[in-house]
């Protein structure tokens, strides 16, 4: 079902293929509050048809869908269009990430996800697809640690770190403020997305 749209023709358009109605609605509301235009498809067949009929800037694609599954949709889309695809799934283990990326997805985010993180990933994929190249963000260097924000890449002594998007965002927030003591609330404000996550203890686990 199409979500309300604004009059800004340059706004990023997103097709979210997700069978969890509440999650899809809340996510769409958050993205729209930041100027994106969101269309929701509740099943794989409808989502594939919409994506092929009028390709959006970015497709958010749930892996586990009734009927036509996310991986099959991803493969079929890749045969027809080069629209950026961000795979959204409840599975966060490495094999699932690899399967999604090898299936043609451009990025991967696991539920439960930070709304702010998702927004950043969507904007990044849309910029790449539109060819909007700005000046590269300056690398952050703290001792042997080097962080390249533009490519979301972090290395220690030249060895690349395997980080999730959330872990990268958290590491970047700490590196930018090296030597400072940050409260848990400050860190949550820097890396998390919305008020519903304010009581989430996952940041403690990551630290």
C-alpha atoms as a PDB file:
ATOM      1  CA  UNK A   1       0.000   0.000   0.000  1.00  0.00           C
ATOM      2  CA  UNK A   2       1.432   3.372  -0.932  1.00  0.00           C
ATOM      3  CA  UNK A   3       2.336   5.548   2.028  1.00  0.00           C
ATOM      4  CA  UNK A   4       1.584   9.272   1.959  1.00  0.00           C
ATOM      5  CA  UNK A   5       4.101  11.173  -0.094  1.00  0.00           C
ATOM      6  CA  UNK A   6       5.263  14.742  -0.177  1.00  0.00           C
ATOM      7  CA  UNK A   7       5.732  17.100  -3.111  1.00  0.00           C
ATOM      8  CA  UNK A   8       9.512  16.819  -3.184  1.00  0.00           C
ATOM      9  CA  UNK A   9      10.308  15.015  -6.421  1.00  0.00           C
ATOM     10  CA  UNK A  10      13.955  14.596  -5.362  1.00  0.00           C
ATOM     11  CA  UNK A  11      13.032  12.722  -2.194  1.00  0.00           C
ATOM     12  CA  UNK A  12      14.452   9.214  -1.900  1.00  0.00           C
ATOM     13  CA  UNK A  13      11.828   6.632  -2.837  1.00  0.00           C
ATOM     14  CA  UNK A  14      11.826   3.364  -0.919  1.00  0.00           C
ATOM     15  CA  UNK A  15       9.927   0.138  -1.518  1.00  0.00           C
ATOM     16  CA  UNK A  16       9.701  -1.877   1.713  1.00  0.00           C
ATOM     17  CA  UNK A  17       8.709  -5.526   1.169  1.00  0.00           C
ATOM     18  CA  UNK A  18       7.732  -6.750   4.637  1.00  0.00           C
ATOM     19  CA  UNK A  19       4.922  -8.990   5.904  1.00  0.00           C
ATOM     20  CA  UNK A  20       5.071  -7.659   9.492  1.00  0.00           C
ATOM     21  CA  UNK A  21       2.458  -4.905   9.194  1.00  0.00           C
ATOM     22  CA  UNK A  22       3.358  -3.112  12.430  1.00  0.00           C
ATOM     23  CA  UNK A  23       7.088  -3.081  11.746  1.00  0.00           C
ATOM     24  CA  UNK A  24       6.522  -1.891   8.187  1.00  0.00           C
ATOM     25  CA  UNK A  25       4.177   0.889   9.323  1.00  0.00           C
ATOM     26  CA  UNK A  26       6.449   2.168  12.107  1.00  0.00           C
ATOM     27  CA  UNK A  27       9.522   2.020   9.899  1.00  0.00           C
ATOM     28  CA  UNK A  28       7.733   3.872   7.103  1.00  0.00           C
ATOM     29  CA  UNK A  29       6.586   6.556   9.526  1.00  0.00           C
ATOM     30  CA  UNK A  30      10.141   7.106  10.744  1.00  0.00           C
ATOM     31  CA  UNK A  31      11.596   7.265   7.231  1.00  0.00           C
ATOM     32  CA  UNK A  32       8.852   9.605   6.029  1.00  0.00           C
ATOM     33  CA  UNK A  33       9.498  11.903   8.990  1.00  0.00           C
ATOM     34  CA  UNK A  34      12.990  12.345   7.521  1.00  0.00           C
ATOM     35  CA  UNK A  35      11.764  13.201   4.033  1.00  0.00           C
ATOM     36  CA  UNK A  36      11.739   9.800   2.323  1.00  0.00           C
ATOM     37  CA  UNK A  37       8.829   8.443   0.281  1.00  0.00           C
ATOM     38  CA  UNK A  38       7.882   4.893   1.248  1.00  0.00           C
ATOM     39  CA  UNK A  39       5.686   2.281  -0.411  1.00  0.00           C
ATOM     40  CA  UNK A  40       4.930  -0.921   1.480  1.00  0.00           C
ATOM     41  CA  UNK A  41       4.319  -4.333  -0.075  1.00  0.00           C
ATOM     42  CA  UNK A  42       3.050  -7.024   2.290  1.00  0.00           C
ATOM     43  CA  UNK A  43       4.193 -10.027   0.229  1.00  0.00           C
ATOM     44  CA  UNK A  44       6.874 -10.999  -2.215  1.00  0.00           C
ATOM     45  CA  UNK A  45       4.758 -11.204  -5.358  1.00  0.00           C
ATOM     46  CA  UNK A  46       3.342  -7.695  -4.940  1.00  0.00           C
ATOM     47  CA  UNK A  47       6.740  -6.328  -3.998  1.00  0.00           C
ATOM     48  CA  UNK A  48       8.443  -7.797  -7.064  1.00  0.00           C
ATOM     49  CA  UNK A  49       5.732  -6.444  -9.346  1.00  0.00           C
ATOM     50  CA  UNK A  50       5.998  -2.954  -7.848  1.00  0.00           C
ATOM     51  CA  UNK A  51       9.801  -2.936  -8.014  1.00  0.00           C
ATOM     52  CA  UNK A  52       9.782  -3.891 -11.686  1.00  0.00           C
ATOM     53  CA  UNK A  53       6.931  -1.591 -12.685  1.00  0.00           C
ATOM     54  CA  UNK A  54       8.408   1.545 -11.136  1.00  0.00           C
ATOM     55  CA  UNK A  55      11.857   0.936  -9.634  1.00  0.00           C
ATOM     56  CA  UNK A  56      12.423   2.940  -6.447  1.00  0.00           C
ATOM     57  CA  UNK A  57      15.724   4.428  -5.354  1.00  0.00           C
ATOM     58  CA  UNK A  58      16.151   1.655  -2.767  1.00  0.00           C
ATOM     59  CA  UNK A  59      14.414  -1.662  -2.021  1.00  0.00           C
ATOM     60  CA  UNK A  60      14.191  -2.845   1.592  1.00  0.00           C
ATOM     61  CA  UNK A  61      13.631  -6.553   1.338  1.00  0.00           C
ATOM     62  CA  UNK A  62      12.719  -8.921   4.156  1.00  0.00           C
ATOM     63  CA  UNK A  63      14.363 -12.324   3.797  1.00  0.00           C
ATOM     64  CA  UNK A  64      11.524 -14.392   5.231  1.00  0.00           C
ATOM     65  CA  UNK A  65       8.320 -13.711   3.294  1.00  0.00           C
ATOM     66  CA  UNK A  66       5.190 -15.764   2.601  1.00  0.00           C
ATOM     67  CA  UNK A  67       5.040 -17.091  -0.933  1.00  0.00           C
ATOM     68  CA  UNK A  68       7.930 -15.713  -2.954  1.00  0.00           C
ATOM     69  CA  UNK A  69      10.908 -15.430  -0.599  1.00  0.00           C
ATOM     70  CA  UNK A  70      13.352 -12.586  -0.271  1.00  0.00           C
ATOM     71  CA  UNK A  71      16.295 -14.357  -1.912  1.00  0.00           C
ATOM     72  CA  UNK A  72      14.253 -15.264  -4.974  1.00  0.00           C
ATOM     73  CA  UNK A  73      12.945 -11.697  -5.259  1.00  0.00           C
ATOM     74  CA  UNK A  74      16.501 -10.424  -4.999  1.00  0.00           C
ATOM     75  CA  UNK A  75      17.694 -12.727  -7.777  1.00  0.00           C
ATOM     76  CA  UNK A  76      14.816 -11.782 -10.068  1.00  0.00           C
ATOM     77  CA  UNK A  77      15.326  -8.081  -9.483  1.00  0.00           C
ATOM     78  CA  UNK A  78      19.027  -8.399 -10.255  1.00  0.00           C
ATOM     79  CA  UNK A  79      18.138  -9.920 -13.641  1.00  0.00           C
ATOM     80  CA  UNK A  80      16.095  -6.836 -14.575  1.00  0.00           C
ATOM     81  CA  UNK A  81      17.189  -3.744 -12.628  1.00  0.00           C
ATOM     82  CA  UNK A  82      20.198  -2.394 -10.754  1.00  0.00           C
ATOM     83  CA  UNK A  83      18.180  -0.833  -7.928  1.00  0.00           C
ATOM     84  CA  UNK A  84      20.078  -0.974  -4.599  1.00  0.00           C
ATOM     85  CA  UNK A  85      18.703  -3.728  -2.356  1.00  0.00           C
ATOM     86  CA  UNK A  86      19.065  -3.746   1.418  1.00  0.00           C
ATOM     87  CA  UNK A  87      18.183  -7.148   2.861  1.00  0.00           C
ATOM     88  CA  UNK A  88      16.258  -6.908   6.135  1.00  0.00           C
ATOM     89  CA  UNK A  89      15.949 -10.058   8.207  1.00  0.00           C
ATOM     90  CA  UNK A  90      15.667 -11.435  11.701  1.00  0.00           C
ATOM     91  CA  UNK A  91      18.739 -13.567  11.112  1.00  0.00           C
ATOM     92  CA  UNK A  92      22.011 -11.880  12.064  1.00  0.00           C
ATOM     93  CA  UNK A  93      24.455 -14.753  11.745  1.00  0.00           C
ATOM     94  CA  UNK A  94      27.273 -14.553   9.203  1.00  0.00           C
ATOM     95  CA  UNK A  95      25.952 -17.345   6.912  1.00  0.00           C
ATOM     96  CA  UNK A  96      22.669 -15.462   6.462  1.00  0.00           C
ATOM     97  CA  UNK A  97      24.504 -12.230   5.670  1.00  0.00           C
ATOM     98  CA  UNK A  98      26.668 -14.019   3.126  1.00  0.00           C
ATOM     99  CA  UNK A  99      23.674 -15.683   1.465  1.00  0.00           C
ATOM    100  CA  UNK A 100      21.907 -12.342   1.183  1.00  0.00           C
ATOM    101  CA  UNK A 101      24.905 -10.533  -0.261  1.00  0.00           C
ATOM    102  CA  UNK A 102      25.798 -13.342  -2.645  1.00  0.00           C
ATOM    103  CA  UNK A 103      22.168 -13.388  -3.746  1.00  0.00           C
ATOM    104  CA  UNK A 104      22.563  -9.860  -5.069  1.00  0.00           C
ATOM    105  CA  UNK A 105      21.812  -7.619  -2.082  1.00  0.00           C
ATOM    106  CA  UNK A 106      23.913  -4.462  -1.760  1.00  0.00           C
ATOM    107  CA  UNK A 107      23.657  -4.242   2.003  1.00  0.00           C
ATOM    108  CA  UNK A 108      22.336  -6.194   4.971  1.00  0.00           C
ATOM    109  CA  UNK A 109      20.707  -5.137   8.226  1.00  0.00           C
ATOM    110  CA  UNK A 110      19.394  -7.472  10.927  1.00  0.00           C
ATOM    111  CA  UNK A 111      16.278  -7.067  13.052  1.00  0.00           C
ATOM    112  CA  UNK A 112      15.886  -5.485  15.483  1.00  0.00           C
ATOM    113  CA  UNK A 113      17.587  -2.594  13.738  1.00  0.00           C
ATOM    114  CA  UNK A 114      18.225   1.011  14.654  1.00  0.00           C
ATOM    115  CA  UNK A 115      15.974   3.326  12.665  1.00  0.00           C
ATOM    116  CA  UNK A 116      18.794   5.868  12.407  1.00  0.00           C
ATOM    117  CA  UNK A 117      21.170   3.212  11.137  1.00  0.00           C
ATOM    118  CA  UNK A 118      18.639   2.093   8.540  1.00  0.00           C
ATOM    119  CA  UNK A 119      18.077   5.678   7.399  1.00  0.00           C
ATOM    120  CA  UNK A 120      21.818   6.202   6.984  1.00  0.00           C
ATOM    121  CA  UNK A 121      22.201   2.994   4.967  1.00  0.00           C
ATOM    122  CA  UNK A 122      19.281   3.929   2.695  1.00  0.00           C
ATOM    123  CA  UNK A 123      20.693   7.394   2.059  1.00  0.00           C
ATOM    124  CA  UNK A 124      24.132   5.957   1.328  1.00  0.00           C
ATOM    125  CA  UNK A 125      22.748   3.472  -1.195  1.00  0.00           C
ATOM    126  CA  UNK A 126      20.592   6.142  -2.836  1.00  0.00           C
ATOM    127  CA  UNK A 127      23.580   8.488  -3.182  1.00  0.00           C
ATOM    128  CA  UNK A 128      25.614   5.775  -4.871  1.00  0.00           C
ATOM    129  CA  UNK A 129      22.756   4.877  -7.216  1.00  0.00           C
ATOM    130  CA  UNK A 130      22.179   8.517  -8.153  1.00  0.00           C
ATOM    131  CA  UNK A 131      25.866   9.122  -8.690  1.00  0.00           C
ATOM    132  CA  UNK A 132      25.943  11.863  -6.086  1.00  0.00           C
ATOM    133  CA  UNK A 133      29.571  11.967  -5.101  1.00  0.00           C
ATOM    134  CA  UNK A 134      30.625  14.483  -2.517  1.00  0.00           C
ATOM    135  CA  UNK A 135      33.997  15.199  -0.946  1.00  0.00           C
ATOM    136  CA  UNK A 136      35.255  12.134   0.920  1.00  0.00           C
ATOM    137  CA  UNK A 137      34.911  12.230   4.678  1.00  0.00           C
ATOM    138  CA  UNK A 138      38.259  12.542   6.420  1.00  0.00           C
ATOM    139  CA  UNK A 139      39.685   9.356   7.897  1.00  0.00           C
ATOM    140  CA  UNK A 140      39.784   9.088  11.693  1.00  0.00           C
ATOM    141  CA  UNK A 141      43.085   7.803  13.077  1.00  0.00           C
ATOM    142  CA  UNK A 142      43.583   6.821  16.714  1.00  0.00           C
ATOM    143  CA  UNK A 143      46.840   4.953  17.263  1.00  0.00           C
ATOM    144  CA  UNK A 144      46.776   1.861  15.040  1.00  0.00           C
ATOM    145  CA  UNK A 145      43.058   2.278  14.436  1.00  0.00           C
ATOM    146  CA  UNK A 146      42.011   3.891  11.146  1.00  0.00           C
ATOM    147  CA  UNK A 147      38.357   4.534  10.321  1.00  0.00           C
ATOM    148  CA  UNK A 148      37.191   5.515   6.835  1.00  0.00           C
ATOM    149  CA  UNK A 149      33.615   6.842   7.195  1.00  0.00           C
ATOM    150  CA  UNK A 150      32.988   7.093   3.444  1.00  0.00           C
ATOM    151  CA  UNK A 151      33.534   3.385   2.880  1.00  0.00           C
ATOM    152  CA  UNK A 152      32.470   2.283   6.377  1.00  0.00           C
ATOM    153  CA  UNK A 153      35.857   0.579   6.735  1.00  0.00           C
ATOM    154  CA  UNK A 154      37.941   0.162   9.884  1.00  0.00           C
ATOM    155  CA  UNK A 155      41.430  -1.278  10.204  1.00  0.00           C
ATOM    156  CA  UNK A 156      43.842  -1.933  13.062  1.00  0.00           C
ATOM    157  CA  UNK A 157      47.482  -2.034  12.030  1.00  0.00           C
ATOM    158  CA  UNK A 158      46.339  -2.460   8.434  1.00  0.00           C
ATOM    159  CA  UNK A 159      44.088  -5.440   9.243  1.00  0.00           C
ATOM    160  CA  UNK A 160      40.458  -4.825   8.305  1.00  0.00           C
ATOM    161  CA  UNK A 161      37.869  -5.375  11.026  1.00  0.00           C
ATOM    162  CA  UNK A 162      34.704  -7.348  10.332  1.00  0.00           C
ATOM    163  CA  UNK A 163      32.048  -5.084  11.869  1.00  0.00           C
ATOM    164  CA  UNK A 164      28.301  -4.809  11.623  1.00  0.00           C
ATOM    165  CA  UNK A 165      26.938  -1.390  10.698  1.00  0.00           C
ATOM    166  CA  UNK A 166      25.961  -0.813  14.326  1.00  0.00           C
ATOM    167  CA  UNK A 167      29.404  -1.806  15.594  1.00  0.00           C
ATOM    168  CA  UNK A 168      31.050   0.463  13.031  1.00  0.00           C
ATOM    169  CA  UNK A 169      28.844   3.402  14.035  1.00  0.00           C
ATOM    170  CA  UNK A 170      29.617   2.837  17.714  1.00  0.00           C
ATOM    171  CA  UNK A 171      33.364   2.531  17.097  1.00  0.00           C
ATOM    172  CA  UNK A 172      33.326   5.698  14.983  1.00  0.00           C
ATOM    173  CA  UNK A 173      31.474   7.627  17.718  1.00  0.00           C
ATOM    174  CA  UNK A 174      34.078   6.569  20.281  1.00  0.00           C
ATOM    175  CA  UNK A 175      37.055   7.258  17.996  1.00  0.00           C
ATOM    176  CA  UNK A 176      35.798  10.740  17.164  1.00  0.00           C
ATOM    177  CA  UNK A 177      35.829  11.484  20.893  1.00  0.00           C
ATOM    178  CA  UNK A 178      38.993   9.629  21.853  1.00  0.00           C
ATOM    179  CA  UNK A 179      40.103  10.407  25.405  1.00  0.00           C
ATOM    180  CA  UNK A 180      36.662  11.546  26.514  1.00  0.00           C
ATOM    181  CA  UNK A 181      34.399   9.691  28.930  1.00  0.00           C
ATOM    182  CA  UNK A 182      30.953   9.227  27.402  1.00  0.00           C
ATOM    183  CA  UNK A 183      27.831   8.231  29.280  1.00  0.00           C
ATOM    184  CA  UNK A 184      25.640   5.376  28.122  1.00  0.00           C
ATOM    185  CA  UNK A 185      22.926   7.899  27.257  1.00  0.00           C
ATOM    186  CA  UNK A 186      25.329   9.951  25.135  1.00  0.00           C
ATOM    187  CA  UNK A 187      26.374   6.890  23.171  1.00  0.00           C
ATOM    188  CA  UNK A 188      22.779   5.824  22.624  1.00  0.00           C
ATOM    189  CA  UNK A 189      21.942   9.271  21.326  1.00  0.00           C
ATOM    190  CA  UNK A 190      24.855   9.108  18.891  1.00  0.00           C
ATOM    191  CA  UNK A 191      24.212   5.673  17.436  1.00  0.00           C
ATOM    192  CA  UNK A 192      20.596   4.750  18.035  1.00  0.00           C
ATOM    193  CA  UNK A 193      17.518   5.753  16.161  1.00  0.00           C
ATOM    194  CA  UNK A 194      14.402   6.459  18.174  1.00  0.00           C
ATOM    195  CA  UNK A 195      12.804   6.777  21.591  1.00  0.00           C
ATOM    196  CA  UNK A 196      11.464   3.220  21.583  1.00  0.00           C
ATOM    197  CA  UNK A 197      15.063   1.996  21.846  1.00  0.00           C
ATOM    198  CA  UNK A 198      15.919   4.152  24.853  1.00  0.00           C
ATOM    199  CA  UNK A 199      15.583   1.196  27.235  1.00  0.00           C
ATOM    200  CA  UNK A 200      17.427  -1.239  25.016  1.00  0.00           C
ATOM    201  CA  UNK A 201      20.437  -2.813  26.763  1.00  0.00           C
ATOM    202  CA  UNK A 202      22.079  -3.982  23.526  1.00  0.00           C
ATOM    203  CA  UNK A 203      24.591  -1.130  23.621  1.00  0.00           C
ATOM    204  CA  UNK A 204      25.942  -2.562  26.898  1.00  0.00           C
ATOM    205  CA  UNK A 205      26.568  -5.871  25.163  1.00  0.00           C
ATOM    206  CA  UNK A 206      28.378  -4.210  22.269  1.00  0.00           C
ATOM    207  CA  UNK A 207      30.601  -2.195  24.621  1.00  0.00           C
END
